[in-house]
Amino acid sequence: MPTVTCNACNAGFDDEEQQRLHYRSEWHHYNLKHKVKLEQGLQMLTILKSHEAKTTILEDFDFYEQREKALQENRHQQ
């Protein structure tokens, strides 16, 4: 059972590290900007739940973390 949650995305996490990674994700930023309505949010959760994932959520977090680091490095080099 999740111990911490994100109210903007209706997502639960097993630990604070996963929650911190989630707060950096594009999904979370999108939800914050658009404040998903309940009905739309439930539709999205249904789609996500029924989608057969090819990677784990931790692999996804790692992808976005690496992408963010690369973007920051590019900004510093410019």
PDB file of N, CA and C in Angstrom:
ATOM      1  N   MET A   1       0.849  -1.188   0.000  1.00  0.00           N
ATOM      2  CA  MET A   1       0.000   0.000   0.000  1.00  0.00           C
ATOM      3  C   MET A   1       0.889   1.244   0.000  1.00  0.00           C
ATOM      4  N   PRO A   2       0.573   2.222  -0.870  1.00  0.00           N
ATOM      5  CA  PRO A   2       1.397   3.427  -0.944  1.00  0.00           C
ATOM      6  C   PRO A   2       1.415   4.192   0.374  1.00  0.00           C
ATOM      7  N   THR A   3       2.585   4.721   0.688  1.00  0.00           N
ATOM      8  CA  THR A   3       2.707   5.487   1.933  1.00  0.00           C
ATOM      9  C   THR A   3       2.657   6.983   1.692  1.00  0.00           C
ATOM     10  N   VAL A   4       3.005   7.432   0.481  1.00  0.00           N
ATOM     11  CA  VAL A   4       2.938   8.850   0.137  1.00  0.00           C
ATOM     12  C   VAL A   4       2.196   8.992  -1.183  1.00  0.00           C
ATOM     13  N   THR A   5       1.540  10.136  -1.387  1.00  0.00           N
ATOM     14  CA  THR A   5       0.726  10.323  -2.578  1.00  0.00           C
ATOM     15  C   THR A   5       0.944  11.693  -3.200  1.00  0.00           C
ATOM     16  N   CYS A   6       0.527  11.809  -4.451  1.00  0.00           N
ATOM     17  CA  CYS A   6       0.482  13.087  -5.160  1.00  0.00           C
ATOM     18  C   CYS A   6      -0.995  13.379  -5.425  1.00  0.00           C
ATOM     19  N   ASN A   7      -1.511  14.410  -4.810  1.00  0.00           N
ATOM     20  CA  ASN A   7      -2.920  14.737  -4.980  1.00  0.00           C
ATOM     21  C   ASN A   7      -3.238  15.260  -6.370  1.00  0.00           C
ATOM     22  N   ALA A   8      -2.278  15.875  -7.030  1.00  0.00           N
ATOM     23  CA  ALA A   8      -2.515  16.411  -8.375  1.00  0.00           C
ATOM     24  C   ALA A   8      -2.715  15.294  -9.393  1.00  0.00           C
ATOM     25  N   CYS A   9      -2.044  14.156  -9.185  1.00  0.00           N
ATOM     26  CA  CYS A   9      -2.076  13.069 -10.165  1.00  0.00           C
ATOM     27  C   CYS A   9      -2.797  11.825  -9.659  1.00  0.00           C
ATOM     28  N   ASN A  10      -3.252  11.831  -8.427  1.00  0.00           N
ATOM     29  CA  ASN A  10      -3.864  10.656  -7.805  1.00  0.00           C
ATOM     30  C   ASN A  10      -2.933   9.450  -7.871  1.00  0.00           C
ATOM     31  N   ALA A  11      -1.661   9.685  -7.611  1.00  0.00           N
ATOM     32  CA  ALA A  11      -0.662   8.627  -7.677  1.00  0.00           C
ATOM     33  C   ALA A  11      -0.130   8.338  -6.280  1.00  0.00           C
ATOM     34  N   GLY A  12       0.138   7.054  -6.016  1.00  0.00           N
ATOM     35  CA  GLY A  12       0.696   6.645  -4.738  1.00  0.00           C
ATOM     36  C   GLY A  12       2.083   6.082  -4.915  1.00  0.00           C
ATOM     37  N   PHE A  13       2.920   6.250  -3.906  1.00  0.00           N
ATOM     38  CA  PHE A  13       4.311   5.816  -3.979  1.00  0.00           C
ATOM     39  C   PHE A  13       4.696   5.094  -2.700  1.00  0.00           C
ATOM     40  N   ASP A  14       5.623   4.154  -2.845  1.00  0.00           N
ATOM     41  CA  ASP A  14       6.066   3.368  -1.705  1.00  0.00           C
ATOM     42  C   ASP A  14       7.042   4.115  -0.810  1.00  0.00           C
ATOM     43  N   ASP A  15       7.747   5.096  -1.374  1.00  0.00           N
ATOM     44  CA  ASP A  15       8.691   5.853  -0.553  1.00  0.00           C
ATOM     45  C   ASP A  15       8.814   7.282  -1.083  1.00  0.00           C
ATOM     46  N   GLU A  16       9.479   8.124  -0.318  1.00  0.00           N
ATOM     47  CA  GLU A  16       9.597   9.530  -0.673  1.00  0.00           C
ATOM     48  C   GLU A  16      10.484   9.751  -1.892  1.00  0.00           C
ATOM     49  N   GLU A  17      11.447   8.870  -2.141  1.00  0.00           N
ATOM     50  CA  GLU A  17      12.317   9.003  -3.310  1.00  0.00           C
ATOM     51  C   GLU A  17      11.504   8.874  -4.598  1.00  0.00           C
ATOM     52  N   GLN A  18      10.614   7.892  -4.643  1.00  0.00           N
ATOM     53  CA  GLN A  18       9.747   7.740  -5.821  1.00  0.00           C
ATOM     54  C   GLN A  18       8.858   8.969  -6.000  1.00  0.00           C
ATOM     55  N   GLN A  19       8.370   9.502  -4.885  1.00  0.00           N
ATOM     56  CA  GLN A  19       7.524  10.685  -4.948  1.00  0.00           C
ATOM     57  C   GLN A  19       8.317  11.885  -5.483  1.00  0.00           C
ATOM     58  N   ARG A  20       9.542  12.064  -5.027  1.00  0.00           N
ATOM     59  CA  ARG A  20      10.380  13.164  -5.518  1.00  0.00           C
ATOM     60  C   ARG A  20      10.635  13.031  -7.016  1.00  0.00           C
ATOM     61  N   LEU A  21      10.924  11.817  -7.462  1.00  0.00           N
ATOM     62  CA  LEU A  21      11.123  11.599  -8.894  1.00  0.00           C
ATOM     63  C   LEU A  21       9.854  11.923  -9.675  1.00  0.00           C
ATOM     64  N   HIS A  22       8.730  11.538  -9.119  1.00  0.00           N
ATOM     65  CA  HIS A  22       7.442  11.827  -9.774  1.00  0.00           C
ATOM     66  C   HIS A  22       7.237  13.332  -9.912  1.00  0.00           C
ATOM     67  N   TYR A  23       7.589  14.099  -8.880  1.00  0.00           N
ATOM     68  CA  TYR A  23       7.391  15.544  -8.925  1.00  0.00           C
ATOM     69  C   TYR A  23       8.195  16.198 -10.043  1.00  0.00           C
ATOM     70  N   ARG A  24       9.243  15.523 -10.520  1.00  0.00           N
ATOM     71  CA  ARG A  24      10.052  16.045 -11.624  1.00  0.00           C
ATOM     72  C   ARG A  24       9.530  15.594 -12.990  1.00  0.00           C
ATOM     73  N   SER A  25       8.574  14.701 -13.009  1.00  0.00           N
ATOM     74  CA  SER A  25       8.114  14.109 -14.271  1.00  0.00           C
ATOM     75  C   SER A  25       7.231  15.078 -15.066  1.00  0.00           C
ATOM     76  N   GLU A  26       7.221  14.845 -16.376  1.00  0.00           N
ATOM     77  CA  GLU A  26       6.383  15.655 -17.253  1.00  0.00           C
ATOM     78  C   GLU A  26       4.900  15.426 -16.950  1.00  0.00           C
ATOM     79  N   TRP A  27       4.558  14.201 -16.591  1.00  0.00           N
ATOM     80  CA  TRP A  27       3.166  13.882 -16.262  1.00  0.00           C
ATOM     81  C   TRP A  27       2.673  14.757 -15.103  1.00  0.00           C
ATOM     82  N   HIS A  28       3.482  14.851 -14.047  1.00  0.00           N
ATOM     83  CA  HIS A  28       3.108  15.656 -12.889  1.00  0.00           C
ATOM     84  C   HIS A  28       3.004  17.134 -13.281  1.00  0.00           C
ATOM     85  N   HIS A  29       3.970  17.632 -14.036  1.00  0.00           N
ATOM     86  CA  HIS A  29       3.954  19.041 -14.447  1.00  0.00           C
ATOM     87  C   HIS A  29       2.726  19.334 -15.300  1.00  0.00           C
ATOM     88  N   TYR A  30       2.405  18.408 -16.179  1.00  0.00           N
ATOM     89  CA  TYR A  30       1.213  18.571 -17.009  1.00  0.00           C
ATOM     90  C   TYR A  30      -0.038  18.669 -16.125  1.00  0.00           C
ATOM     91  N   ASN A  31      -0.161  17.760 -15.172  1.00  0.00           N
ATOM     92  CA  ASN A  31      -1.337  17.760 -14.300  1.00  0.00           C
ATOM     93  C   ASN A  31      -1.423  19.025 -13.468  1.00  0.00           C
ATOM     94  N   LEU A  32      -0.297  19.518 -13.006  1.00  0.00           N
ATOM     95  CA  LEU A  32      -0.316  20.755 -12.232  1.00  0.00           C
ATOM     96  C   LEU A  32      -0.780  21.930 -13.081  1.00  0.00           C
ATOM     97  N   LYS A  33      -0.316  21.966 -14.317  1.00  0.00           N
ATOM     98  CA  LYS A  33      -0.691  23.078 -15.195  1.00  0.00           C
ATOM     99  C   LYS A  33      -2.157  23.027 -15.590  1.00  0.00           C
ATOM    100  N   HIS A  34      -2.692  21.832 -15.736  1.00  0.00           N
ATOM    101  CA  HIS A  34      -4.052  21.697 -16.243  1.00  0.00           C
ATOM    102  C   HIS A  34      -5.075  21.289 -15.198  1.00  0.00           C
ATOM    103  N   LYS A  35      -4.606  20.959 -14.013  1.00  0.00           N
ATOM    104  CA  LYS A  35      -5.502  20.520 -12.935  1.00  0.00           C
ATOM    105  C   LYS A  35      -6.616  19.642 -13.496  1.00  0.00           C
ATOM    106  N   VAL A  36      -6.241  18.445 -13.798  1.00  0.00           N
ATOM    107  CA  VAL A  36      -7.132  17.492 -14.444  1.00  0.00           C
ATOM    108  C   VAL A  36      -8.448  17.373 -13.669  1.00  0.00           C
ATOM    109  N   LYS A  37      -9.543  17.450 -14.413  1.00  0.00           N
ATOM    110  CA  LYS A  37     -10.855  17.265 -13.805  1.00  0.00           C
ATOM    111  C   LYS A  37     -11.009  15.804 -13.423  1.00  0.00           C
ATOM    112  N   LEU A  38     -11.827  15.522 -12.440  1.00  0.00           N
ATOM    113  CA  LEU A  38     -11.981  14.170 -11.910  1.00  0.00           C
ATOM    114  C   LEU A  38     -12.305  13.165 -13.009  1.00  0.00           C
ATOM    115  N   GLU A  39     -13.280  13.491 -13.845  1.00  0.00           N
ATOM    116  CA  GLU A  39     -13.693  12.543 -14.886  1.00  0.00           C
ATOM    117  C   GLU A  39     -12.547  12.261 -15.862  1.00  0.00           C
ATOM    118  N   GLN A  40     -11.840  13.308 -16.274  1.00  0.00           N
ATOM    119  CA  GLN A  40     -10.710  13.133 -17.185  1.00  0.00           C
ATOM    120  C   GLN A  40      -9.579  12.364 -16.509  1.00  0.00           C
ATOM    121  N   GLY A  41      -9.351  12.659 -15.245  1.00  0.00           N
ATOM    122  CA  GLY A  41      -8.303  11.963 -14.498  1.00  0.00           C
ATOM    123  C   GLY A  41      -8.599  10.474 -14.376  1.00  0.00           C
ATOM    124  N   LEU A  42      -9.844  10.147 -14.119  1.00  0.00           N
ATOM    125  CA  LEU A  42     -10.232   8.736 -14.023  1.00  0.00           C
ATOM    126  C   LEU A  42     -10.072   8.033 -15.361  1.00  0.00           C
ATOM    127  N   GLN A  43     -10.387   8.725 -16.453  1.00  0.00           N
ATOM    128  CA  GLN A  43     -10.177   8.156 -17.784  1.00  0.00           C
ATOM    129  C   GLN A  43      -8.699   7.867 -18.012  1.00  0.00           C
ATOM    130  N   MET A  44      -7.845   8.826 -17.649  1.00  0.00           N
ATOM    131  CA  MET A  44      -6.406   8.659 -17.833  1.00  0.00           C
ATOM    132  C   MET A  44      -5.894   7.498 -16.992  1.00  0.00           C
ATOM    133  N   LEU A  45      -6.342   7.394 -15.764  1.00  0.00           N
ATOM    134  CA  LEU A  45      -5.909   6.291 -14.910  1.00  0.00           C
ATOM    135  C   LEU A  45      -6.361   4.945 -15.479  1.00  0.00           C
ATOM    136  N   THR A  46      -7.552   4.904 -16.057  1.00  0.00           N
ATOM    137  CA  THR A  46      -8.043   3.675 -16.680  1.00  0.00           C
ATOM    138  C   THR A  46      -7.147   3.279 -17.854  1.00  0.00           C
ATOM    139  N   ILE A  47      -6.781   4.260 -18.664  1.00  0.00           N
ATOM    140  CA  ILE A  47      -5.894   3.994 -19.795  1.00  0.00           C
ATOM    141  C   ILE A  47      -4.538   3.497 -19.298  1.00  0.00           C
ATOM    142  N   LEU A  48      -3.974   4.186 -18.311  1.00  0.00           N
ATOM    143  CA  LEU A  48      -2.662   3.789 -17.788  1.00  0.00           C
ATOM    144  C   LEU A  48      -2.707   2.394 -17.173  1.00  0.00           C
ATOM    145  N   LYS A  49      -3.803   2.092 -16.478  1.00  0.00           N
ATOM    146  CA  LYS A  49      -3.914   0.790 -15.815  1.00  0.00           C
ATOM    147  C   LYS A  49      -4.034  -0.338 -16.840  1.00  0.00           C
ATOM    148  N   SER A  50      -4.719  -0.084 -17.937  1.00  0.00           N
ATOM    149  CA  SER A  50      -4.924  -1.140 -18.929  1.00  0.00           C
ATOM    150  C   SER A  50      -3.765  -1.248 -19.925  1.00  0.00           C
ATOM    151  N   HIS A  51      -2.883  -0.273 -19.933  1.00  0.00           N
ATOM    152  CA  HIS A  51      -1.756  -0.271 -20.871  1.00  0.00           C
ATOM    153  C   HIS A  51      -0.699  -1.279 -20.425  1.00  0.00           C
ATOM    154  N   GLU A  52      -0.269  -2.111 -21.367  1.00  0.00           N
ATOM    155  CA  GLU A  52       0.778  -3.087 -21.056  1.00  0.00           C
ATOM    156  C   GLU A  52       2.134  -2.407 -21.200  1.00  0.00           C
ATOM    157  N   ALA A  53       2.794  -2.190 -20.082  1.00  0.00           N
ATOM    158  CA  ALA A  53       4.062  -1.472 -20.065  1.00  0.00           C
ATOM    159  C   ALA A  53       5.212  -2.361 -20.506  1.00  0.00           C
ATOM    160  N   LYS A  54       6.147  -1.750 -21.238  1.00  0.00           N
ATOM    161  CA  LYS A  54       7.350  -2.456 -21.660  1.00  0.00           C
ATOM    162  C   LYS A  54       8.506  -2.193 -20.707  1.00  0.00           C
ATOM    163  N   THR A  55       8.353  -1.185 -19.849  1.00  0.00           N
ATOM    164  CA  THR A  55       9.371  -0.854 -18.858  1.00  0.00           C
ATOM    165  C   THR A  55       8.698  -0.676 -17.498  1.00  0.00           C
ATOM    166  N   THR A  56       9.495  -0.696 -16.446  1.00  0.00           N
ATOM    167  CA  THR A  56       8.960  -0.448 -15.111  1.00  0.00           C
ATOM    168  C   THR A  56       8.928   1.053 -14.854  1.00  0.00           C
ATOM    169  N   ILE A  57       8.188   1.465 -13.858  1.00  0.00           N
ATOM    170  CA  ILE A  57       8.111   2.890 -13.529  1.00  0.00           C
ATOM    171  C   ILE A  57       9.478   3.422 -13.108  1.00  0.00           C
ATOM    172  N   LEU A  58      10.280   2.597 -12.460  1.00  0.00           N
ATOM    173  CA  LEU A  58      11.617   3.045 -12.065  1.00  0.00           C
ATOM    174  C   LEU A  58      12.502   3.271 -13.283  1.00  0.00           C
ATOM    175  N   GLU A  59      12.363   2.438 -14.308  1.00  0.00           N
ATOM    176  CA  GLU A  59      13.107   2.655 -15.548  1.00  0.00           C
ATOM    177  C   GLU A  59      12.649   3.949 -16.221  1.00  0.00           C
ATOM    178  N   ASP A  60      11.348   4.211 -16.167  1.00  0.00           N
ATOM    179  CA  ASP A  60      10.821   5.449 -16.722  1.00  0.00           C
ATOM    180  C   ASP A  60      11.375   6.650 -15.969  1.00  0.00           C
ATOM    181  N   PHE A  61      11.403   6.576 -14.644  1.00  0.00           N
ATOM    182  CA  PHE A  61      11.959   7.662 -13.839  1.00  0.00           C
ATOM    183  C   PHE A  61      13.416   7.898 -14.211  1.00  0.00           C
ATOM    184  N   ASP A  62      14.166   6.807 -14.383  1.00  0.00           N
ATOM    185  CA  ASP A  62      15.580   6.921 -14.740  1.00  0.00           C
ATOM    186  C   ASP A  62      15.733   7.594 -16.100  1.00  0.00           C
ATOM    187  N   PHE A  63      14.884   7.245 -17.059  1.00  0.00           N
ATOM    188  CA  PHE A  63      14.925   7.865 -18.386  1.00  0.00           C
ATOM    189  C   PHE A  63      14.747   9.379 -18.274  1.00  0.00           C
ATOM    190  N   TYR A  64      13.716   9.820 -17.544  1.00  0.00           N
ATOM    191  CA  TYR A  64      13.451  11.243 -17.433  1.00  0.00           C
ATOM    192  C   TYR A  64      14.513  11.962 -16.616  1.00  0.00           C
ATOM    193  N   GLU A  65      15.053  11.278 -15.627  1.00  0.00           N
ATOM    194  CA  GLU A  65      16.143  11.858 -14.829  1.00  0.00           C
ATOM    195  C   GLU A  65      17.363  12.103 -15.728  1.00  0.00           C
ATOM    196  N   GLN A  66      17.734  11.112 -16.545  1.00  0.00           N
ATOM    197  CA  GLN A  66      18.871  11.252 -17.457  1.00  0.00           C
ATOM    198  C   GLN A  66      18.597  12.338 -18.496  1.00  0.00           C
ATOM    199  N   ARG A  67      17.379  12.387 -18.973  1.00  0.00           N
ATOM    200  CA  ARG A  67      17.008  13.406 -19.958  1.00  0.00           C
ATOM    201  C   ARG A  67      17.114  14.801 -19.359  1.00  0.00           C
ATOM    202  N   GLU A  68      16.656  14.965 -18.135  1.00  0.00           N
ATOM    203  CA  GLU A  68      16.737  16.258 -17.459  1.00  0.00           C
ATOM    204  C   GLU A  68      18.191  16.672 -17.249  1.00  0.00           C
ATOM    205  N   LYS A  69      19.047  15.717 -16.865  1.00  0.00           N
ATOM    206  CA  LYS A  69      20.474  16.025 -16.694  1.00  0.00           C
ATOM    207  C   LYS A  69      21.089  16.474 -18.006  1.00  0.00           C
ATOM    208  N   ALA A  70      20.758  15.793 -19.103  1.00  0.00           N
ATOM    209  CA  ALA A  70      21.287  16.159 -20.414  1.00  0.00           C
ATOM    210  C   ALA A  70      20.827  17.559 -20.812  1.00  0.00           C
ATOM    211  N   LEU A  71      19.575  17.886 -20.555  1.00  0.00           N
ATOM    212  CA  LEU A  71      19.059  19.222 -20.871  1.00  0.00           C
ATOM    213  C   LEU A  71      19.774  20.292 -20.055  1.00  0.00           C
ATOM    214  N   GLN A  72      20.004  20.016 -18.786  1.00  0.00           N
ATOM    215  CA  GLN A  72      20.714  20.973 -17.935  1.00  0.00           C
ATOM    216  C   GLN A  72      22.154  21.162 -18.400  1.00  0.00           C
ATOM    217  N   GLU A  73      22.808  20.081 -18.790  1.00  0.00           N
ATOM    218  CA  GLU A  73      24.176  20.183 -19.299  1.00  0.00           C
ATOM    219  C   GLU A  73      24.210  21.012 -20.580  1.00  0.00           C
ATOM    220  N   ASN A  74      23.245  20.811 -21.450  1.00  0.00           N
ATOM    221  CA  ASN A  74      23.175  21.598 -22.681  1.00  0.00           C
ATOM    222  C   ASN A  74      22.968  23.083 -22.383  1.00  0.00           C
ATOM    223  N   ARG A  75      22.140  23.374 -21.395  1.00  0.00           N
ATOM    224  CA  ARG A  75      21.899  24.774 -21.020  1.00  0.00           C
ATOM    225  C   ARG A  75      23.174  25.410 -20.470  1.00  0.00           C
ATOM    226  N   HIS A  76      23.927  24.664 -19.675  1.00  0.00           N
ATOM    227  CA  HIS A  76      25.168  25.186 -19.091  1.00  0.00           C
ATOM    228  C   HIS A  76      26.233  25.406 -20.162  1.00  0.00           C
ATOM    229  N   GLN A  77      26.255  24.551 -21.190  1.00  0.00           N
ATOM    230  CA  GLN A  77      27.250  24.684 -22.238  1.00  0.00           C
ATOM    231  C   GLN A  77      26.950  25.859 -23.152  1.00  0.00           C
ATOM    232  N   GLN A  78      25.704  26.261 -23.238  1.00  0.00           N
ATOM    233  CA  GLN A  78      25.333  27.381 -24.110  1.00  0.00           C
ATOM    234  C   GLN A  78      25.572  28.633 -23.392  1.00  0.00           C
TER     235      GLN A  78
END
